[in-house]
């Protein structure tokens, strides 16, 4: 299986998988020109990973996300939710800057979409 390691740019987040912790880390801002094209390999990789293993954690620290990125994130959360429903150990940590109330709103909106363990953690960036 290929590794998941996408460097951060001015409009796309860093996305990196840590095999030891079984964790996908995402950080930065997300407003690529083609969100569906950008997130397609992430979603495909996650789908393949979850077909072989039953533990994955998602650690998100995204300060801004456009509407098409939000749709892609919901697709990713759907994969995790489906795996959780089938008994996989999946969890999400969503980090937000306590000085940015919109990022807390975004985290809470995503939290409402899933039933899997979802923690919202304030940071001082």
Foldseek 3Di string as FASTA:
>chain_A
DDFDFDPDDQAAWTWGADPVVQEIETEEEHDDPDLCVVCVVVQVVLLVVLVVAQEHEYEYHYAYYDPVNLVSVLSSVVSVQVSVVVPGHYEYEYEYEPVRVVSVVSLVVSVVSHDHHYHYHYDHD
